[in-house]
N, C-alpha and C. Protein backbone atom coordinates (compact mmCIF):
# COMPACT_ATOMS: atom_id res chain seq x y z
N MET A 1 14.85 3.19 -0.22
CA MET A 1 15.47 1.89 -0.18
C MET A 1 14.39 0.82 0.00
N ILE A 2 14.54 -0.23 -0.75
CA ILE A 2 13.61 -1.36 -0.66
C ILE A 2 14.15 -2.30 0.41
N LEU A 3 13.32 -2.59 1.39
CA LEU A 3 13.76 -3.42 2.50
C LEU A 3 13.13 -4.81 2.41
N PRO A 4 13.91 -5.85 2.77
CA PRO A 4 13.48 -7.23 2.54
C PRO A 4 12.43 -7.75 3.50
N ASN A 5 12.28 -7.13 4.68
CA ASN A 5 11.33 -7.67 5.65
C ASN A 5 10.74 -6.57 6.53
N VAL A 6 9.72 -6.92 7.27
CA VAL A 6 8.99 -5.97 8.12
C VAL A 6 9.90 -5.39 9.20
N GLU A 7 10.76 -6.23 9.78
CA GLU A 7 11.65 -5.77 10.84
C GLU A 7 12.55 -4.65 10.36
N ASP A 8 13.16 -4.82 9.20
CA ASP A 8 14.05 -3.79 8.65
C ASP A 8 13.26 -2.53 8.28
N PHE A 9 12.06 -2.73 7.73
CA PHE A 9 11.20 -1.60 7.36
C PHE A 9 10.85 -0.79 8.61
N LEU A 10 10.43 -1.47 9.66
CA LEU A 10 10.07 -0.80 10.90
C LEU A 10 11.27 -0.04 11.48
N ALA A 11 12.45 -0.65 11.44
CA ALA A 11 13.65 -0.01 11.97
C ALA A 11 14.03 1.24 11.18
N ALA A 12 13.68 1.29 9.89
CA ALA A 12 14.05 2.42 9.04
C ALA A 12 13.08 3.60 9.14
N LEU A 13 11.94 3.39 9.80
CA LEU A 13 10.93 4.44 9.87
C LEU A 13 11.18 5.40 11.03
N PRO A 14 11.02 6.70 10.79
CA PRO A 14 11.08 7.64 11.91
C PRO A 14 9.81 7.50 12.75
N PRO A 15 9.87 7.84 14.03
CA PRO A 15 8.69 7.68 14.88
C PRO A 15 7.59 8.69 14.55
N ASN A 16 6.37 8.32 14.87
CA ASN A 16 5.22 9.22 14.77
C ASN A 16 5.00 9.84 13.40
N LYS A 17 5.16 9.02 12.38
CA LYS A 17 4.88 9.43 11.00
C LYS A 17 4.00 8.37 10.37
N ALA A 18 3.17 8.79 9.43
CA ALA A 18 2.26 7.87 8.75
C ALA A 18 3.02 6.97 7.77
N ILE A 19 2.41 5.84 7.48
CA ILE A 19 2.89 4.91 6.46
C ILE A 19 1.83 4.87 5.37
N ALA A 20 2.28 4.82 4.12
CA ALA A 20 1.36 4.72 2.99
C ALA A 20 1.28 3.28 2.52
N GLY A 21 0.08 2.84 2.18
CA GLY A 21 -0.13 1.54 1.58
C GLY A 21 -0.59 1.74 0.15
N LEU A 22 -0.04 0.96 -0.78
CA LEU A 22 -0.40 1.09 -2.19
C LEU A 22 -0.90 -0.22 -2.76
N ASP A 23 -1.98 -0.13 -3.52
CA ASP A 23 -2.49 -1.26 -4.29
C ASP A 23 -2.32 -0.87 -5.75
N LEU A 24 -1.31 -1.47 -6.40
CA LEU A 24 -1.01 -1.13 -7.79
C LEU A 24 -1.86 -1.96 -8.74
N GLY A 25 -2.57 -1.26 -9.59
CA GLY A 25 -3.32 -1.93 -10.63
C GLY A 25 -2.80 -1.47 -11.98
N ASP A 26 -3.33 -2.04 -13.05
CA ASP A 26 -2.91 -1.63 -14.38
C ASP A 26 -3.38 -0.21 -14.69
N LYS A 27 -4.54 0.16 -14.18
CA LYS A 27 -5.13 1.46 -14.51
C LYS A 27 -5.13 2.45 -13.35
N THR A 28 -4.98 1.95 -12.13
CA THR A 28 -5.07 2.81 -10.96
C THR A 28 -4.04 2.42 -9.90
N ILE A 29 -3.82 3.35 -8.97
CA ILE A 29 -3.02 3.09 -7.77
C ILE A 29 -3.92 3.47 -6.59
N GLY A 30 -4.29 2.50 -5.80
CA GLY A 30 -5.05 2.78 -4.59
C GLY A 30 -4.09 3.20 -3.50
N VAL A 31 -4.44 4.25 -2.77
CA VAL A 31 -3.56 4.78 -1.72
C VAL A 31 -4.31 4.81 -0.39
N ALA A 32 -3.65 4.31 0.64
CA ALA A 32 -4.18 4.38 2.01
C ALA A 32 -3.07 4.93 2.90
N LEU A 33 -3.46 5.51 4.02
CA LEU A 33 -2.48 6.03 4.98
C LEU A 33 -2.82 5.57 6.38
N SER A 34 -1.79 5.39 7.17
CA SER A 34 -1.99 5.05 8.58
C SER A 34 -2.11 6.34 9.39
N ASP A 35 -2.59 6.18 10.61
CA ASP A 35 -2.53 7.29 11.55
C ASP A 35 -1.08 7.39 12.03
N LEU A 36 -0.77 8.43 12.81
CA LEU A 36 0.61 8.66 13.25
C LEU A 36 1.10 7.58 14.22
N ARG A 37 0.18 6.93 14.93
CA ARG A 37 0.56 5.86 15.85
C ARG A 37 0.70 4.52 15.13
N ARG A 38 0.32 4.51 13.85
CA ARG A 38 0.43 3.31 13.01
C ARG A 38 -0.42 2.15 13.52
N VAL A 39 -1.68 2.48 13.80
CA VAL A 39 -2.61 1.47 14.28
C VAL A 39 -3.72 1.22 13.26
N VAL A 40 -4.19 2.27 12.62
CA VAL A 40 -5.35 2.18 11.72
C VAL A 40 -5.00 2.67 10.31
N ALA A 41 -5.40 1.90 9.32
CA ALA A 41 -5.22 2.28 7.91
C ALA A 41 -6.53 2.85 7.39
N THR A 42 -6.43 3.93 6.62
CA THR A 42 -7.60 4.59 6.06
C THR A 42 -7.42 4.77 4.56
N PRO A 43 -8.42 4.39 3.76
CA PRO A 43 -8.33 4.64 2.31
C PRO A 43 -8.31 6.15 2.07
N VAL A 44 -7.46 6.59 1.14
CA VAL A 44 -7.30 8.03 0.91
C VAL A 44 -7.70 8.45 -0.50
N GLU A 45 -7.13 7.79 -1.49
CA GLU A 45 -7.31 8.27 -2.86
C GLU A 45 -7.03 7.16 -3.85
N VAL A 46 -7.56 7.33 -5.05
CA VAL A 46 -7.23 6.46 -6.18
C VAL A 46 -6.61 7.35 -7.25
N ILE A 47 -5.40 7.01 -7.64
CA ILE A 47 -4.69 7.75 -8.69
C ILE A 47 -4.87 7.00 -10.00
N ARG A 48 -5.34 7.69 -11.01
CA ARG A 48 -5.47 7.11 -12.35
C ARG A 48 -4.08 7.07 -12.98
N ARG A 49 -3.66 5.90 -13.41
CA ARG A 49 -2.31 5.75 -13.96
C ARG A 49 -2.22 6.29 -15.37
N ALA A 50 -1.09 6.91 -15.64
CA ALA A 50 -0.77 7.42 -16.98
C ALA A 50 0.55 6.77 -17.40
N LYS A 51 1.65 7.44 -17.07
CA LYS A 51 2.98 6.85 -17.27
C LYS A 51 3.72 6.98 -15.95
N PHE A 52 4.78 6.20 -15.77
CA PHE A 52 5.42 6.13 -14.47
C PHE A 52 5.81 7.49 -13.92
N THR A 53 6.43 8.35 -14.71
CA THR A 53 6.91 9.63 -14.18
C THR A 53 5.76 10.46 -13.63
N GLU A 54 4.64 10.47 -14.33
CA GLU A 54 3.47 11.23 -13.86
C GLU A 54 2.85 10.55 -12.64
N ASP A 55 2.75 9.24 -12.67
CA ASP A 55 2.19 8.50 -11.53
C ASP A 55 3.03 8.76 -10.28
N ALA A 56 4.35 8.67 -10.41
CA ALA A 56 5.26 8.87 -9.28
C ALA A 56 5.18 10.30 -8.77
N ARG A 57 5.13 11.26 -9.67
CA ARG A 57 5.04 12.67 -9.27
C ARG A 57 3.79 12.90 -8.44
N GLN A 58 2.66 12.40 -8.94
CA GLN A 58 1.39 12.57 -8.25
C GLN A 58 1.40 11.85 -6.89
N LEU A 59 1.89 10.64 -6.88
CA LEU A 59 1.94 9.84 -5.67
C LEU A 59 2.84 10.49 -4.62
N LEU A 60 4.06 10.86 -5.00
CA LEU A 60 5.00 11.43 -4.03
C LEU A 60 4.53 12.78 -3.52
N ALA A 61 3.84 13.56 -4.36
CA ALA A 61 3.28 14.84 -3.91
C ALA A 61 2.20 14.59 -2.85
N LEU A 62 1.35 13.61 -3.09
CA LEU A 62 0.29 13.26 -2.13
C LEU A 62 0.91 12.80 -0.81
N LEU A 63 1.91 11.92 -0.89
CA LEU A 63 2.52 11.39 0.32
C LEU A 63 3.26 12.47 1.10
N ALA A 64 3.91 13.39 0.39
CA ALA A 64 4.59 14.51 1.05
C ALA A 64 3.57 15.40 1.76
N ALA A 65 2.47 15.69 1.09
CA ALA A 65 1.44 16.55 1.67
C ALA A 65 0.83 15.91 2.92
N ARG A 66 0.77 14.58 2.94
CA ARG A 66 0.18 13.87 4.07
C ARG A 66 1.21 13.45 5.12
N GLY A 67 2.49 13.75 4.88
CA GLY A 67 3.53 13.45 5.86
C GLY A 67 3.89 11.99 6.00
N ALA A 68 3.75 11.22 4.94
CA ALA A 68 4.09 9.80 4.99
C ALA A 68 5.60 9.62 5.09
N ALA A 69 6.03 8.60 5.82
CA ALA A 69 7.45 8.35 6.03
C ALA A 69 7.91 7.03 5.43
N GLY A 70 6.99 6.21 4.96
CA GLY A 70 7.33 4.91 4.39
C GLY A 70 6.22 4.44 3.48
N ILE A 71 6.56 3.50 2.60
CA ILE A 71 5.60 2.99 1.61
C ILE A 71 5.60 1.47 1.65
N VAL A 72 4.41 0.91 1.72
CA VAL A 72 4.27 -0.54 1.60
C VAL A 72 3.43 -0.82 0.36
N LEU A 73 3.97 -1.65 -0.51
CA LEU A 73 3.29 -2.02 -1.75
C LEU A 73 2.71 -3.42 -1.61
N GLY A 74 1.47 -3.56 -2.03
CA GLY A 74 0.87 -4.88 -2.05
C GLY A 74 1.56 -5.74 -3.10
N LEU A 75 2.00 -6.93 -2.71
CA LEU A 75 2.68 -7.84 -3.63
C LEU A 75 1.67 -8.90 -4.08
N PRO A 76 1.27 -8.85 -5.36
CA PRO A 76 0.20 -9.74 -5.85
C PRO A 76 0.68 -11.15 -6.18
N LEU A 77 1.01 -11.89 -5.13
CA LEU A 77 1.45 -13.28 -5.31
C LEU A 77 0.28 -14.13 -5.80
N ASN A 78 0.61 -15.21 -6.49
CA ASN A 78 -0.41 -16.18 -6.87
C ASN A 78 -0.88 -16.89 -5.61
N MET A 79 -2.04 -17.53 -5.68
CA MET A 79 -2.60 -18.19 -4.50
C MET A 79 -1.67 -19.25 -3.92
N ASP A 80 -0.82 -19.85 -4.76
CA ASP A 80 0.12 -20.86 -4.26
C ASP A 80 1.42 -20.24 -3.73
N GLY A 81 1.47 -18.88 -3.71
CA GLY A 81 2.65 -18.19 -3.19
C GLY A 81 3.72 -17.90 -4.22
N SER A 82 3.52 -18.35 -5.45
CA SER A 82 4.51 -18.12 -6.50
C SER A 82 4.37 -16.72 -7.08
N SER A 83 5.41 -16.28 -7.77
CA SER A 83 5.42 -14.97 -8.41
C SER A 83 5.01 -15.09 -9.87
N GLY A 84 4.34 -14.07 -10.35
CA GLY A 84 3.95 -14.01 -11.75
C GLY A 84 4.30 -12.66 -12.32
N PRO A 85 3.79 -12.34 -13.50
CA PRO A 85 4.09 -11.06 -14.15
C PRO A 85 3.68 -9.84 -13.32
N ARG A 86 2.59 -9.93 -12.57
CA ARG A 86 2.15 -8.79 -11.76
C ARG A 86 3.13 -8.52 -10.62
N VAL A 87 3.72 -9.56 -10.05
CA VAL A 87 4.73 -9.37 -9.00
C VAL A 87 5.94 -8.66 -9.60
N GLN A 88 6.37 -9.11 -10.77
CA GLN A 88 7.52 -8.48 -11.43
C GLN A 88 7.24 -7.01 -11.74
N SER A 89 6.03 -6.71 -12.18
CA SER A 89 5.64 -5.34 -12.47
C SER A 89 5.66 -4.48 -11.21
N THR A 90 5.16 -5.02 -10.10
CA THR A 90 5.15 -4.30 -8.82
C THR A 90 6.56 -4.05 -8.34
N GLN A 91 7.42 -5.06 -8.45
CA GLN A 91 8.81 -4.90 -8.03
C GLN A 91 9.55 -3.88 -8.90
N ALA A 92 9.24 -3.85 -10.19
CA ALA A 92 9.84 -2.86 -11.09
C ALA A 92 9.38 -1.45 -10.70
N PHE A 93 8.09 -1.30 -10.38
CA PHE A 93 7.56 0.00 -9.94
C PHE A 93 8.32 0.45 -8.69
N ALA A 94 8.52 -0.47 -7.74
CA ALA A 94 9.23 -0.14 -6.50
C ALA A 94 10.67 0.28 -6.78
N ARG A 95 11.35 -0.44 -7.67
CA ARG A 95 12.74 -0.09 -8.00
C ARG A 95 12.81 1.30 -8.64
N ASN A 96 11.86 1.62 -9.51
CA ASN A 96 11.83 2.94 -10.13
C ASN A 96 11.50 4.03 -9.10
N LEU A 97 10.58 3.73 -8.20
CA LEU A 97 10.19 4.69 -7.17
C LEU A 97 11.33 4.93 -6.19
N GLU A 98 12.08 3.88 -5.92
CA GLU A 98 13.22 3.95 -4.99
C GLU A 98 14.23 5.02 -5.43
N ARG A 99 14.36 5.24 -6.73
CA ARG A 99 15.29 6.24 -7.26
C ARG A 99 14.81 7.67 -6.99
N LEU A 100 13.52 7.83 -6.69
CA LEU A 100 12.93 9.16 -6.56
C LEU A 100 12.64 9.58 -5.13
N THR A 101 12.80 8.68 -4.17
CA THR A 101 12.47 9.00 -2.79
C THR A 101 13.42 8.34 -1.81
N GLU A 102 13.59 8.98 -0.67
CA GLU A 102 14.40 8.42 0.42
C GLU A 102 13.56 7.52 1.32
N MET A 103 12.24 7.53 1.14
CA MET A 103 11.37 6.75 2.02
C MET A 103 11.67 5.25 1.89
N PRO A 104 11.67 4.54 3.02
CA PRO A 104 11.81 3.09 2.94
C PRO A 104 10.58 2.49 2.26
N ILE A 105 10.81 1.43 1.50
CA ILE A 105 9.76 0.75 0.75
C ILE A 105 9.78 -0.72 1.15
N ALA A 106 8.59 -1.27 1.38
CA ALA A 106 8.48 -2.70 1.71
C ALA A 106 7.34 -3.29 0.90
N PHE A 107 7.27 -4.62 0.89
CA PHE A 107 6.19 -5.34 0.21
C PHE A 107 5.37 -6.08 1.25
N TRP A 108 4.09 -6.27 0.95
CA TRP A 108 3.20 -7.04 1.82
C TRP A 108 2.32 -7.91 0.93
N ASP A 109 2.21 -9.16 1.29
CA ASP A 109 1.39 -10.12 0.55
C ASP A 109 -0.05 -9.59 0.48
N GLU A 110 -0.52 -9.37 -0.74
CA GLU A 110 -1.86 -8.79 -0.88
C GLU A 110 -2.91 -9.80 -1.32
N ARG A 111 -2.59 -11.07 -1.28
CA ARG A 111 -3.59 -12.06 -1.71
C ARG A 111 -4.91 -11.82 -1.00
N LEU A 112 -5.96 -11.77 -1.78
CA LEU A 112 -7.33 -11.62 -1.30
C LEU A 112 -7.67 -10.24 -0.75
N SER A 113 -6.77 -9.26 -0.83
CA SER A 113 -7.11 -7.92 -0.31
C SER A 113 -8.24 -7.30 -1.11
N THR A 114 -8.25 -7.47 -2.43
CA THR A 114 -9.32 -6.89 -3.24
C THR A 114 -10.63 -7.62 -2.96
N VAL A 115 -10.56 -8.92 -2.75
CA VAL A 115 -11.77 -9.69 -2.41
C VAL A 115 -12.34 -9.20 -1.08
N ALA A 116 -11.48 -9.00 -0.09
CA ALA A 116 -11.93 -8.51 1.21
C ALA A 116 -12.50 -7.10 1.10
N ALA A 117 -11.85 -6.26 0.29
CA ALA A 117 -12.34 -4.89 0.10
C ALA A 117 -13.71 -4.89 -0.57
N GLU A 118 -13.87 -5.72 -1.58
CA GLU A 118 -15.15 -5.83 -2.28
C GLU A 118 -16.25 -6.30 -1.31
N ARG A 119 -15.93 -7.29 -0.50
CA ARG A 119 -16.90 -7.81 0.47
C ARG A 119 -17.30 -6.71 1.46
N ALA A 120 -16.32 -5.95 1.95
CA ALA A 120 -16.62 -4.87 2.91
C ALA A 120 -17.50 -3.81 2.27
N LEU A 121 -17.23 -3.47 1.03
CA LEU A 121 -18.04 -2.46 0.34
C LEU A 121 -19.46 -2.97 0.08
N LEU A 122 -19.58 -4.25 -0.24
CA LEU A 122 -20.91 -4.83 -0.42
C LEU A 122 -21.69 -4.82 0.89
N GLU A 123 -21.01 -5.16 1.98
CA GLU A 123 -21.66 -5.15 3.29
C GLU A 123 -22.07 -3.74 3.69
N ALA A 124 -21.31 -2.74 3.22
CA ALA A 124 -21.64 -1.35 3.51
C ALA A 124 -22.71 -0.83 2.56
N ASP A 125 -23.19 -1.72 1.67
CA ASP A 125 -24.24 -1.38 0.72
C ASP A 125 -23.82 -0.26 -0.25
N ALA A 126 -22.53 -0.24 -0.60
CA ALA A 126 -22.04 0.75 -1.57
C ALA A 126 -22.56 0.38 -2.96
N SER A 127 -22.93 1.37 -3.72
CA SER A 127 -23.43 1.13 -5.08
C SER A 127 -22.29 0.60 -5.95
N ARG A 128 -22.65 -0.02 -7.05
CA ARG A 128 -21.65 -0.56 -7.97
C ARG A 128 -20.70 0.55 -8.43
N LYS A 129 -21.24 1.71 -8.75
CA LYS A 129 -20.43 2.85 -9.20
C LYS A 129 -19.46 3.28 -8.10
N ARG A 130 -19.95 3.39 -6.87
CA ARG A 130 -19.11 3.80 -5.75
C ARG A 130 -18.03 2.76 -5.47
N ARG A 131 -18.39 1.48 -5.53
CA ARG A 131 -17.40 0.42 -5.32
C ARG A 131 -16.28 0.54 -6.33
N LYS A 132 -16.63 0.77 -7.59
CA LYS A 132 -15.63 0.90 -8.65
C LYS A 132 -14.69 2.08 -8.39
N GLU A 133 -15.24 3.16 -7.84
CA GLU A 133 -14.45 4.37 -7.58
C GLU A 133 -13.45 4.18 -6.44
N VAL A 134 -13.82 3.41 -5.42
CA VAL A 134 -13.00 3.36 -4.20
C VAL A 134 -12.33 2.01 -3.93
N ILE A 135 -12.64 0.98 -4.71
CA ILE A 135 -12.15 -0.37 -4.41
C ILE A 135 -10.63 -0.43 -4.23
N ASP A 136 -9.87 0.27 -5.08
CA ASP A 136 -8.41 0.19 -5.00
C ASP A 136 -7.87 0.85 -3.73
N ALA A 137 -8.48 1.96 -3.31
CA ALA A 137 -8.05 2.61 -2.07
C ALA A 137 -8.40 1.74 -0.86
N VAL A 138 -9.57 1.10 -0.92
CA VAL A 138 -9.96 0.20 0.17
C VAL A 138 -9.04 -1.02 0.20
N ALA A 139 -8.70 -1.56 -0.96
CA ALA A 139 -7.75 -2.68 -1.01
C ALA A 139 -6.39 -2.24 -0.45
N ALA A 140 -5.96 -1.01 -0.76
CA ALA A 140 -4.70 -0.49 -0.21
C ALA A 140 -4.76 -0.43 1.31
N SER A 141 -5.94 -0.08 1.85
CA SER A 141 -6.06 -0.01 3.31
C SER A 141 -5.99 -1.42 3.92
N TYR A 142 -6.49 -2.44 3.22
CA TYR A 142 -6.37 -3.82 3.72
C TYR A 142 -4.91 -4.26 3.71
N ILE A 143 -4.19 -3.90 2.67
CA ILE A 143 -2.76 -4.22 2.58
C ILE A 143 -2.02 -3.56 3.74
N LEU A 144 -2.24 -2.25 3.90
CA LEU A 144 -1.56 -1.50 4.95
C LEU A 144 -1.95 -2.01 6.34
N GLN A 145 -3.23 -2.31 6.53
CA GLN A 145 -3.68 -2.79 7.85
C GLN A 145 -3.01 -4.10 8.21
N GLY A 146 -2.79 -4.96 7.23
CA GLY A 146 -2.07 -6.21 7.49
C GLY A 146 -0.67 -5.95 8.02
N LEU A 147 0.03 -5.00 7.41
CA LEU A 147 1.37 -4.64 7.87
C LEU A 147 1.31 -4.01 9.26
N LEU A 148 0.36 -3.09 9.47
CA LEU A 148 0.24 -2.43 10.77
C LEU A 148 -0.03 -3.44 11.88
N ASP A 149 -0.92 -4.40 11.60
CA ASP A 149 -1.23 -5.43 12.59
C ASP A 149 0.02 -6.25 12.91
N ARG A 150 0.79 -6.58 11.89
CA ARG A 150 2.03 -7.33 12.09
C ARG A 150 3.01 -6.52 12.94
N MET A 151 3.12 -5.21 12.66
CA MET A 151 4.01 -4.35 13.42
C MET A 151 3.59 -4.27 14.88
N GLN A 152 2.27 -4.18 15.14
CA GLN A 152 1.77 -4.14 16.52
C GLN A 152 2.08 -5.46 17.23
N HIS A 153 1.93 -6.56 16.51
CA HIS A 153 2.23 -7.88 17.08
C HIS A 153 3.72 -7.97 17.46
N MET A 154 4.57 -7.43 16.58
CA MET A 154 6.01 -7.45 16.85
C MET A 154 6.35 -6.62 18.08
N LYS A 155 5.69 -5.46 18.22
CA LYS A 155 5.92 -4.60 19.40
C LYS A 155 5.51 -5.33 20.67
N GLY A 156 4.38 -6.03 20.59
CA GLY A 156 3.88 -6.76 21.75
C GLY A 156 4.78 -7.90 22.17
N ALA A 157 5.55 -8.44 21.22
CA ALA A 157 6.44 -9.57 21.50
C ALA A 157 7.78 -9.13 22.08
N GLU A 158 8.04 -7.82 22.08
CA GLU A 158 9.34 -7.34 22.56
C GLU A 158 9.46 -7.46 24.06
């Protein structure tokens, strides 16, 4: 089920299970996972995209093997906050994925996540080849970390 906000997403998650973060690109899907306490996001894998059925099969198998209980997709809004074709594509992917899994699905504003990931990899002195290999998974971890930080803030406000 696709949930409209972080509060509903958090309420739908079982306790002590990882959350997956996804950075959807035209050619790849970056995947990150949280720890069981949902404090830290870690880049895990980059899936090369083929067609939706194969992408979904590969993704859901990975998430099942890692014990993920929810999925957050980076929503590629324009810098002014408006939606464009990439947002529509991401939402369509989520709607199609929703038919194949019981896991709750949410969106998180991913503006500048790839820029931040690139900067972090440059600071880590990663080679151009290595950056190209892992950038999408690192961007997915930035997306997921944003959600995790928001969830921690919400817990602290209770």
